[in-house]
Amino acid sequence: MDTNCTELNQLGYWDNKQTGMSFNDDGTEFDKDGLNTSLVDINIIANMKKELHQSGDNSSICSETSETSSLSDDRAADLSELPDFLTPSPPSAEPKYEPQRAEFKLPTFKIPNIFSTPDDSRSFASSNIKITIQRLLLGQEVRLEGFRSFTDKKSLLTKAIEINDGNAIMAIVLFLQQTLLPTLFQMILLEYKPAANHYIWYLRTRSETAKLLDLLCMLGRLEDGLILRYKRILKSTNQERMKTQLKHFYSTECSNTDDDFGKLVTSHLYLIDTHTELRLKNQELFLKVGNCSSVMKTLTHLSEHYYDQDSSSLTSPMKFRITHNLTETQYGWACLLSLTKVKKWPQIQSLLIKKRWGSLLQEKSILPPEAVSEVLKEGSAPIDLISIFVSLIENGENKLNTAIRLKCHRVVIDIFAAKKDKSKILTYKSKLEEKSKDAVYAENVLKNIK
């Protein structure tokens, strides 16, 4: 992203607006009479209190943000809110991965009335930092105009950060935002990371996206800004408009970013193209599968209806896998579920069974064979195919139990034969239907055991 803070200043956001105020050399606002003031329209405060979450308790709440807060935690918070079009997990019952993070949250508190009117008998004005902080901690009303100089205001914020109280930090940050030049307020946010984090979350809760984007750029958190812009584009309900905006976003914003974010955007563009192609081929069928909102859901749909298509086709499952950089396991699970549904048994065997060269030529499943066997059994697959995957289970006890449960009789007989246990083969044979193929197989095995 080429836009820097200097360019943002030129756009006018960080420039001082015409407020009718003049400013002292330290950046403190003065009214036309030269008197320091921090008073604002009481309606602003009333609206602000309504917009913030209030708790019934006026006691202070300890801030969850510190100097050591990781910026990657905020980025994880943004990424976790993105839609499912890049869901990496296979379409199974496994729970989705959610990154563990020390999430920064705007404290739910009642902001003390720091902007009360002069005739408010309950107000309290003092330039004593200790007393002021104590009243803020107790949720009591206090006026902060006693802190006139830039140095005093910084000292007040420093003390609030030292005690790590989110109520006090947020109240003082809003006071500084009201009474300092924009350039000096920026300096404060650059110097005090907890203050910046509180103000960022404050802007998030108020959905002041433009201000938030400029602030993230000023703080050098370019990737966070990209994610925020990306999320704004995703709110579009028109696919064609979203596609146009994504292309413009990629060409103008993502060209100088890390490869991962650029790949995410290109993957989304390819997903939109795939959906468009699917609608053209069979719109009714496409709508039946829930509009294919995610990568894995789209792959499942492609595997079920277009598995045998040429790899050069836009709807080819293999091309789709390569484009979205899916793992062999992800691709295998999606195809297994789809092909089982349409009963394409030879395709399942050729997809999941791989030959492995060692001292002897061996076969191995790219997915856990026990789980595959269960899926095939539920899908009414031929017993011979189920037996192939059961025989690939490495643990001997699990293999025997699974073979008995799924009625893979020949696998059970082979396990007993490997141990040369004729008595168990005879016992198991007695439970089989007389003169059935499995009973005949057991008889032949018995003859070959010496």
Foldseek 3Di string as FASTA:
>chain_A
DPDFLVNVVVVPPQADDPDQWDADPQFFTAHPVRHGALADDVVVVVVLQVLAAADPAQAFDFFLDAPPADPVLVVLVLVVPDDFALQQDAPDPDDGDRDDHSDGDQDHHGAAAQNDDPVPPQEAEDLDLVVVVVCQNNNGHYHDSVQGGPVSLLVSLVVCNVRRINNSLQNSLVSCVRTGRSVSNLVSCLVGVVSVVNVLNSCVSVVVLVVNLSSCSSNVVLVSSLSSVLVVLVVDPDLVSSLVVLVVCLVPPVPPDDPVVSLVSVLVNLVSVLLVVVCVVPVVVCVVLPVQNYLLSLLLVLLQPPDPPDCVDSSHSVVSCVSSVHDLVNNLSSNLLRCLQVVPLVVNCVSFWDWDDDVDIDIAGPDQLLVSLVSNLVSVHDLVSSLVSLLRHDDLVSSLVSCVVSVSLVSNLVSCLVVLNLVVLVVSLVPDDPPDPSNVVSVVSNVPRD
